[in-house]
């Protein structure tokens, strides 16, 4: 049972989960079906909750347990359920038509991942990895990569619902950066961010539904028709 108390074991678990988080993010870039992307996002959020829970366990940080639970409940369960129900009303089976084709998007996502690792390299301190307080520090590169890829998805995807998912992925990157560097922001700030996120997704969901109802499509480029 000793290895459950070993920070090195915790560090390996966090590194493994962070690797899967990054793989899922790149998979979203290469995935053309909305329903699959929603479920991939749910899996990614579940892994982020696992990372927060692991850091909380080894550092005895109760507020991180709360952050992990909120991440699981809201971003791995509630929001994906809401988005899937919305998708059933606006023909979830239709494919995404990105501005840049899938193979090139995957290559660009790989390049953005490299940029993330280069940015985080100067902040990594390998000599500190043996202590519980350093757990998660090596995930900063993944956090930066999530942010960059999420921003790229927001720019290149035409479907409004996919842009909502890209925004959520971008927020996942910010969350991972917060828990990897500072073990989370104060609880009241975390609650405020999550509440704002839920409200934003609800509002965006309504807008997505109205776009579909008005233009019979989720392509945001069709909003140009509104110009007088």
C-alpha atoms as a PDB file:
ATOM      1  CA  UNK A   1       0.000   0.000   0.000  1.00  0.00           C
ATOM      2  CA  UNK A   2       3.034   2.257   0.316  1.00  0.00           C
ATOM      3  CA  UNK A   3       3.059   3.166  -3.392  1.00  0.00           C
ATOM      4  CA  UNK A   4      -0.319   4.878  -2.901  1.00  0.00           C
ATOM      5  CA  UNK A   5       1.560   7.405  -0.742  1.00  0.00           C
ATOM      6  CA  UNK A   6       4.542   7.732  -3.079  1.00  0.00           C
ATOM      7  CA  UNK A   7       4.600  11.106  -4.896  1.00  0.00           C
ATOM      8  CA  UNK A   8       6.398   9.452  -7.811  1.00  0.00           C
ATOM      9  CA  UNK A   9       3.419   7.133  -8.296  1.00  0.00           C
ATOM     10  CA  UNK A  10       1.084  10.127  -8.208  1.00  0.00           C
ATOM     11  CA  UNK A  11       3.280  11.952 -10.706  1.00  0.00           C
ATOM     12  CA  UNK A  12       3.175   9.003 -13.110  1.00  0.00           C
ATOM     13  CA  UNK A  13      -0.605   8.778 -12.815  1.00  0.00           C
ATOM     14  CA  UNK A  14      -1.013  12.504 -13.482  1.00  0.00           C
ATOM     15  CA  UNK A  15       1.371  12.341 -16.456  1.00  0.00           C
ATOM     16  CA  UNK A  16      -0.556   9.396 -17.921  1.00  0.00           C
ATOM     17  CA  UNK A  17      -3.930  11.121 -17.526  1.00  0.00           C
ATOM     18  CA  UNK A  18      -2.541  14.365 -18.977  1.00  0.00           C
ATOM     19  CA  UNK A  19      -1.232  12.444 -21.991  1.00  0.00           C
ATOM     20  CA  UNK A  20      -4.695  10.989 -22.601  1.00  0.00           C
ATOM     21  CA  UNK A  21      -6.214  14.471 -22.239  1.00  0.00           C
ATOM     22  CA  UNK A  22      -3.915  15.764 -24.981  1.00  0.00           C
ATOM     23  CA  UNK A  23      -4.611  12.761 -27.228  1.00  0.00           C
ATOM     24  CA  UNK A  24      -8.358  13.347 -26.843  1.00  0.00           C
ATOM     25  CA  UNK A  25      -7.929  17.017 -27.726  1.00  0.00           C
ATOM     26  CA  UNK A  26      -6.089  16.158 -30.935  1.00  0.00           C
ATOM     27  CA  UNK A  27      -8.738  13.495 -31.638  1.00  0.00           C
ATOM     28  CA  UNK A  28     -11.388  16.223 -31.494  1.00  0.00           C
ATOM     29  CA  UNK A  29      -9.517  18.161 -34.163  1.00  0.00           C
ATOM     30  CA  UNK A  30      -9.553  15.099 -36.419  1.00  0.00           C
ATOM     31  CA  UNK A  31     -13.135  14.074 -35.665  1.00  0.00           C
ATOM     32  CA  UNK A  32     -15.925  15.163 -38.031  1.00  0.00           C
ATOM     33  CA  UNK A  33     -18.977  14.053 -36.044  1.00  0.00           C
ATOM     34  CA  UNK A  34     -20.494  16.311 -33.410  1.00  0.00           C
ATOM     35  CA  UNK A  35     -21.864  13.545 -31.194  1.00  0.00           C
ATOM     36  CA  UNK A  36     -18.440  11.934 -30.973  1.00  0.00           C
ATOM     37  CA  UNK A  37     -16.787  15.251 -30.137  1.00  0.00           C
ATOM     38  CA  UNK A  38     -19.217  15.862 -27.287  1.00  0.00           C
ATOM     39  CA  UNK A  39     -18.425  12.464 -25.798  1.00  0.00           C
ATOM     40  CA  UNK A  40     -14.700  12.968 -26.269  1.00  0.00           C
ATOM     41  CA  UNK A  41     -14.996  16.261 -24.383  1.00  0.00           C
ATOM     42  CA  UNK A  42     -16.833  14.462 -21.565  1.00  0.00           C
ATOM     43  CA  UNK A  43     -14.018  11.890 -21.353  1.00  0.00           C
ATOM     44  CA  UNK A  44     -11.428  14.671 -21.340  1.00  0.00           C
ATOM     45  CA  UNK A  45     -13.214  16.465 -18.489  1.00  0.00           C
ATOM     46  CA  UNK A  46     -13.413  13.189 -16.557  1.00  0.00           C
ATOM     47  CA  UNK A  47      -9.628  12.805 -16.821  1.00  0.00           C
ATOM     48  CA  UNK A  48      -9.109  16.417 -15.700  1.00  0.00           C
ATOM     49  CA  UNK A  49     -11.246  15.690 -12.652  1.00  0.00           C
ATOM     50  CA  UNK A  50      -9.018  12.670 -12.022  1.00  0.00           C
ATOM     51  CA  UNK A  51      -5.887  14.837 -12.213  1.00  0.00           C
ATOM     52  CA  UNK A  52      -7.348  17.343  -9.732  1.00  0.00           C
ATOM     53  CA  UNK A  53      -8.404  14.502  -7.420  1.00  0.00           C
ATOM     54  CA  UNK A  54      -4.909  12.953  -7.501  1.00  0.00           C
ATOM     55  CA  UNK A  55      -3.214  16.268  -6.691  1.00  0.00           C
ATOM     56  CA  UNK A  56      -5.708  16.841  -3.880  1.00  0.00           C
ATOM     57  CA  UNK A  57      -5.032  13.364  -2.430  1.00  0.00           C
ATOM     58  CA  UNK A  58      -1.248  13.722  -2.259  1.00  0.00           C
ATOM     59  CA  UNK A  59      -1.348  17.319  -0.997  1.00  0.00           C
ATOM     60  CA  UNK A  60      -4.368  17.045   1.345  1.00  0.00           C
ATOM     61  CA  UNK A  61      -6.103  19.922  -0.435  1.00  0.00           C
ATOM     62  CA  UNK A  62      -9.882  19.760   0.241  1.00  0.00           C
ATOM     63  CA  UNK A  63     -10.702  22.634  -2.117  1.00  0.00           C
ATOM     64  CA  UNK A  64      -9.250  20.620  -5.012  1.00  0.00           C
ATOM     65  CA  UNK A  65     -11.573  17.739  -4.172  1.00  0.00           C
ATOM     66  CA  UNK A  66     -14.434  20.196  -4.592  1.00  0.00           C
ATOM     67  CA  UNK A  67     -12.988  21.454  -7.893  1.00  0.00           C
ATOM     68  CA  UNK A  68     -12.619  17.859  -9.109  1.00  0.00           C
ATOM     69  CA  UNK A  69     -16.232  17.070  -8.200  1.00  0.00           C
ATOM     70  CA  UNK A  70     -17.557  20.208  -9.899  1.00  0.00           C
ATOM     71  CA  UNK A  71     -15.525  19.458 -13.018  1.00  0.00           C
ATOM     72  CA  UNK A  72     -16.905  15.927 -13.139  1.00  0.00           C
ATOM     73  CA  UNK A  73     -20.506  16.934 -12.424  1.00  0.00           C
ATOM     74  CA  UNK A  74     -20.676  19.940 -14.734  1.00  0.00           C
ATOM     75  CA  UNK A  75     -18.242  19.296 -17.578  1.00  0.00           C
ATOM     76  CA  UNK A  76     -18.256  15.503 -17.724  1.00  0.00           C
ATOM     77  CA  UNK A  77     -21.979  14.965 -17.080  1.00  0.00           C
ATOM     78  CA  UNK A  78     -24.253  18.045 -17.176  1.00  0.00           C
ATOM     79  CA  UNK A  79     -22.908  20.067 -20.101  1.00  0.00           C
ATOM     80  CA  UNK A  80     -22.389  17.073 -22.443  1.00  0.00           C
ATOM     81  CA  UNK A  81     -25.948  15.934 -21.662  1.00  0.00           C
ATOM     82  CA  UNK A  82     -27.327  19.402 -22.441  1.00  0.00           C
ATOM     83  CA  UNK A  83     -25.331  19.624 -25.669  1.00  0.00           C
ATOM     84  CA  UNK A  84     -26.418  16.154 -26.791  1.00  0.00           C
ATOM     85  CA  UNK A  85     -30.076  17.019 -26.199  1.00  0.00           C
ATOM     86  CA  UNK A  86     -29.596  20.219 -28.140  1.00  0.00           C
ATOM     87  CA  UNK A  87     -27.968  18.240 -30.907  1.00  0.00           C
ATOM     88  CA  UNK A  88     -30.996  15.974 -31.237  1.00  0.00           C
ATOM     89  CA  UNK A  89     -33.077  19.046 -32.081  1.00  0.00           C
ATOM     90  CA  UNK A  90     -30.720  20.302 -34.766  1.00  0.00           C
ATOM     91  CA  UNK A  91     -29.721  17.084 -36.542  1.00  0.00           C
ATOM     92  CA  UNK A  92     -26.676  15.854 -34.633  1.00  0.00           C
ATOM     93  CA  UNK A  93     -25.789  13.430 -37.443  1.00  0.00           C
ATOM     94  CA  UNK A  94     -24.502  16.115 -39.796  1.00  0.00           C
ATOM     95  CA  UNK A  95     -20.771  16.367 -40.330  1.00  0.00           C
ATOM     96  CA  UNK A  96     -18.548  19.260 -39.387  1.00  0.00           C
ATOM     97  CA  UNK A  97     -17.137  21.204 -42.328  1.00  0.00           C
ATOM     98  CA  UNK A  98     -14.009  22.964 -41.026  1.00  0.00           C
ATOM     99  CA  UNK A  99     -12.310  25.777 -42.890  1.00  0.00           C
ATOM    100  CA  UNK A 100      -9.124  23.669 -42.954  1.00  0.00           C
ATOM    101  CA  UNK A 101      -9.292  19.976 -43.863  1.00  0.00           C
ATOM    102  CA  UNK A 102      -8.822  17.301 -41.213  1.00  0.00           C
ATOM    103  CA  UNK A 103      -5.288  16.065 -42.107  1.00  0.00           C
ATOM    104  CA  UNK A 104      -3.908  19.599 -42.138  1.00  0.00           C
ATOM    105  CA  UNK A 105      -5.767  20.416 -38.904  1.00  0.00           C
ATOM    106  CA  UNK A 106      -4.149  17.436 -37.183  1.00  0.00           C
ATOM    107  CA  UNK A 107      -0.724  18.589 -38.383  1.00  0.00           C
ATOM    108  CA  UNK A 108      -1.416  22.110 -37.089  1.00  0.00           C
ATOM    109  CA  UNK A 109      -2.607  20.670 -33.755  1.00  0.00           C
ATOM    110  CA  UNK A 110       0.698  18.791 -33.535  1.00  0.00           C
ATOM    111  CA  UNK A 111       2.554  22.038 -34.198  1.00  0.00           C
ATOM    112  CA  UNK A 112       0.559  23.860 -31.526  1.00  0.00           C
ATOM    113  CA  UNK A 113       1.396  21.038 -29.102  1.00  0.00           C
ATOM    114  CA  UNK A 114       5.078  21.582 -29.846  1.00  0.00           C
ATOM    115  CA  UNK A 115       4.626  25.304 -29.174  1.00  0.00           C
ATOM    116  CA  UNK A 116       2.932  24.439 -25.869  1.00  0.00           C
ATOM    117  CA  UNK A 117       5.890  22.324 -24.793  1.00  0.00           C
ATOM    118  CA  UNK A 118       8.377  25.010 -25.815  1.00  0.00           C
ATOM    119  CA  UNK A 119       6.472  27.652 -23.835  1.00  0.00           C
ATOM    120  CA  UNK A 120       6.259  25.437 -20.738  1.00  0.00           C
ATOM    121  CA  UNK A 121       9.837  24.189 -20.924  1.00  0.00           C
ATOM    122  CA  UNK A 122      11.319  27.228 -19.178  1.00  0.00           C
ATOM    123  CA  UNK A 123       8.962  26.765 -16.220  1.00  0.00           C
ATOM    124  CA  UNK A 124       9.628  23.044 -15.705  1.00  0.00           C
ATOM    125  CA  UNK A 125      11.795  22.130 -12.717  1.00  0.00           C
ATOM    126  CA  UNK A 126      12.727  18.414 -12.952  1.00  0.00           C
ATOM    127  CA  UNK A 127      14.622  18.491  -9.653  1.00  0.00           C
ATOM    128  CA  UNK A 128      11.353  19.170  -7.795  1.00  0.00           C
ATOM    129  CA  UNK A 129       9.371  16.201  -9.119  1.00  0.00           C
ATOM    130  CA  UNK A 130       9.964  14.068  -6.019  1.00  0.00           C
ATOM    131  CA  UNK A 131       7.854  16.226  -3.709  1.00  0.00           C
ATOM    132  CA  UNK A 132       4.048  16.220  -3.421  1.00  0.00           C
ATOM    133  CA  UNK A 133       4.023  19.998  -3.893  1.00  0.00           C
ATOM    134  CA  UNK A 134       5.445  19.584  -7.400  1.00  0.00           C
ATOM    135  CA  UNK A 135       2.765  17.167  -8.629  1.00  0.00           C
ATOM    136  CA  UNK A 136       1.182  18.337 -11.843  1.00  0.00           C
ATOM    137  CA  UNK A 137       3.859  20.887 -12.702  1.00  0.00           C
ATOM    138  CA  UNK A 138       4.854  18.843 -15.741  1.00  0.00           C
ATOM    139  CA  UNK A 139       1.310  19.141 -17.146  1.00  0.00           C
ATOM    140  CA  UNK A 140       1.672  22.842 -17.923  1.00  0.00           C
ATOM    141  CA  UNK A 141       2.726  22.012 -21.478  1.00  0.00           C
ATOM    142  CA  UNK A 142      -0.491  20.028 -21.942  1.00  0.00           C
ATOM    143  CA  UNK A 143      -2.501  22.910 -20.483  1.00  0.00           C
ATOM    144  CA  UNK A 144      -0.957  25.409 -22.914  1.00  0.00           C
ATOM    145  CA  UNK A 145      -1.537  22.978 -25.785  1.00  0.00           C
ATOM    146  CA  UNK A 146      -5.212  22.570 -24.839  1.00  0.00           C
ATOM    147  CA  UNK A 147      -5.635  26.332 -24.807  1.00  0.00           C
ATOM    148  CA  UNK A 148      -3.959  26.813 -28.195  1.00  0.00           C
ATOM    149  CA  UNK A 149      -5.784  23.936 -29.897  1.00  0.00           C
ATOM    150  CA  UNK A 150      -9.110  25.043 -28.414  1.00  0.00           C
ATOM    151  CA  UNK A 151      -8.550  28.549 -29.746  1.00  0.00           C
ATOM    152  CA  UNK A 152      -7.610  27.115 -33.152  1.00  0.00           C
ATOM    153  CA  UNK A 153     -10.830  25.068 -33.207  1.00  0.00           C
ATOM    154  CA  UNK A 154     -12.902  28.168 -32.424  1.00  0.00           C
ATOM    155  CA  UNK A 155     -11.388  29.923 -35.436  1.00  0.00           C
ATOM    156  CA  UNK A 156     -11.593  27.100 -37.969  1.00  0.00           C
ATOM    157  CA  UNK A 157     -14.914  25.397 -37.182  1.00  0.00           C
ATOM    158  CA  UNK A 158     -18.035  26.752 -38.850  1.00  0.00           C
ATOM    159  CA  UNK A 159     -20.621  24.898 -36.812  1.00  0.00           C
ATOM    160  CA  UNK A 160     -21.805  26.937 -33.838  1.00  0.00           C
ATOM    161  CA  UNK A 161     -22.120  23.900 -31.578  1.00  0.00           C
ATOM    162  CA  UNK A 162     -18.545  22.885 -32.341  1.00  0.00           C
ATOM    163  CA  UNK A 163     -17.401  26.374 -31.426  1.00  0.00           C
ATOM    164  CA  UNK A 164     -19.128  25.950 -28.063  1.00  0.00           C
ATOM    165  CA  UNK A 165     -17.137  22.741 -27.548  1.00  0.00           C
ATOM    166  CA  UNK A 166     -13.945  24.551 -28.544  1.00  0.00           C
ATOM    167  CA  UNK A 167     -14.653  27.191 -25.893  1.00  0.00           C
ATOM    168  CA  UNK A 168     -15.111  24.457 -23.283  1.00  0.00           C
ATOM    169  CA  UNK A 169     -11.843  22.806 -24.319  1.00  0.00           C
ATOM    170  CA  UNK A 170     -10.085  26.157 -24.031  1.00  0.00           C
ATOM    171  CA  UNK A 171     -11.453  26.484 -20.487  1.00  0.00           C
ATOM    172  CA  UNK A 172     -10.204  22.965 -19.720  1.00  0.00           C
ATOM    173  CA  UNK A 173      -6.714  24.184 -20.607  1.00  0.00           C
ATOM    174  CA  UNK A 174      -7.046  27.109 -18.207  1.00  0.00           C
ATOM    175  CA  UNK A 175      -8.303  24.784 -15.470  1.00  0.00           C
ATOM    176  CA  UNK A 176      -5.383  22.388 -15.937  1.00  0.00           C
ATOM    177  CA  UNK A 177      -2.917  25.286 -15.847  1.00  0.00           C
ATOM    178  CA  UNK A 178      -4.462  26.545 -12.604  1.00  0.00           C
ATOM    179  CA  UNK A 179      -4.251  23.215 -10.791  1.00  0.00           C
ATOM    180  CA  UNK A 180      -0.814  22.354 -12.167  1.00  0.00           C
ATOM    181  CA  UNK A 181       0.859  25.607 -11.123  1.00  0.00           C
ATOM    182  CA  UNK A 182      -1.052  26.880  -8.097  1.00  0.00           C
ATOM    183  CA  UNK A 183      -3.258  23.905  -7.110  1.00  0.00           C
ATOM    184  CA  UNK A 184      -6.339  25.806  -8.106  1.00  0.00           C
ATOM    185  CA  UNK A 185      -7.711  29.260  -7.600  1.00  0.00           C
ATOM    186  CA  UNK A 186      -9.677  30.148  -4.439  1.00  0.00           C
ATOM    187  CA  UNK A 187     -12.915  28.188  -4.197  1.00  0.00           C
ATOM    188  CA  UNK A 188     -15.176  31.221  -4.584  1.00  0.00           C
ATOM    189  CA  UNK A 189     -13.368  32.116  -7.839  1.00  0.00           C
ATOM    190  CA  UNK A 190     -13.662  28.527  -9.093  1.00  0.00           C
ATOM    191  CA  UNK A 191     -17.396  28.544  -8.378  1.00  0.00           C
ATOM    192  CA  UNK A 192     -17.769  31.856 -10.182  1.00  0.00           C
ATOM    193  CA  UNK A 193     -15.888  30.596 -13.242  1.00  0.00           C
ATOM    194  CA  UNK A 194     -17.918  27.385 -13.426  1.00  0.00           C
ATOM    195  CA  UNK A 195     -21.190  29.279 -12.965  1.00  0.00           C
ATOM    196  CA  UNK A 196     -20.234  31.726 -15.725  1.00  0.00           C
ATOM    197  CA  UNK A 197     -19.272  28.782 -17.924  1.00  0.00           C
ATOM    198  CA  UNK A 198     -22.615  27.048 -17.439  1.00  0.00           C
ATOM    199  CA  UNK A 199     -24.526  30.273 -18.129  1.00  0.00           C
ATOM    200  CA  UNK A 200     -22.404  30.965 -21.217  1.00  0.00           C
ATOM    201  CA  UNK A 201     -23.035  27.468 -22.602  1.00  0.00           C
ATOM    202  CA  UNK A 202     -26.774  27.786 -21.948  1.00  0.00           C
ATOM    203  CA  UNK A 203     -26.899  31.148 -23.752  1.00  0.00           C
ATOM    204  CA  UNK A 204     -24.782  29.835 -26.615  1.00  0.00           C
ATOM    205  CA  UNK A 205     -27.038  26.780 -26.794  1.00  0.00           C
ATOM    206  CA  UNK A 206     -30.060  29.024 -27.251  1.00  0.00           C
ATOM    207  CA  UNK A 207     -28.231  30.974 -29.948  1.00  0.00           C
ATOM    208  CA  UNK A 208     -27.247  27.739 -31.696  1.00  0.00           C
ATOM    209  CA  UNK A 209     -30.885  26.622 -31.688  1.00  0.00           C
ATOM    210  CA  UNK A 210     -32.028  29.978 -33.085  1.00  0.00           C
ATOM    211  CA  UNK A 211     -29.360  29.887 -35.816  1.00  0.00           C
ATOM    212  CA  UNK A 212     -30.508  26.402 -36.820  1.00  0.00           C
ATOM    213  CA  UNK A 213     -34.164  27.425 -36.730  1.00  0.00           C
ATOM    214  CA  UNK A 214     -33.584  30.560 -38.811  1.00  0.00           C
ATOM    215  CA  UNK A 215     -31.056  29.336 -41.361  1.00  0.00           C
ATOM    216  CA  UNK A 216     -31.675  25.563 -41.238  1.00  0.00           C
ATOM    217  CA  UNK A 217     -27.963  25.202 -40.553  1.00  0.00           C
ATOM    218  CA  UNK A 218     -25.432  25.638 -37.742  1.00  0.00           C
ATOM    219  CA  UNK A 219     -22.926  27.292 -40.062  1.00  0.00           C
ATOM    220  CA  UNK A 220     -22.078  30.611 -38.389  1.00  0.00           C
ATOM    221  CA  UNK A 221     -20.901  32.035 -41.710  1.00  0.00           C
ATOM    222  CA  UNK A 222     -24.567  32.270 -42.690  1.00  0.00           C
ATOM    223  CA  UNK A 223     -24.932  35.048 -40.105  1.00  0.00           C
ATOM    224  CA  UNK A 224     -23.640  37.388 -42.804  1.00  0.00           C
ATOM    225  CA  UNK A 225     -27.179  37.275 -44.209  1.00  0.00           C
ATOM    226  CA  UNK A 226     -28.253  39.427 -41.287  1.00  0.00           C
ATOM    227  CA  UNK A 227     -26.389  42.425 -42.668  1.00  0.00           C
ATOM    228  CA  UNK A 228     -28.685  45.049 -44.058  1.00  0.00           C
END
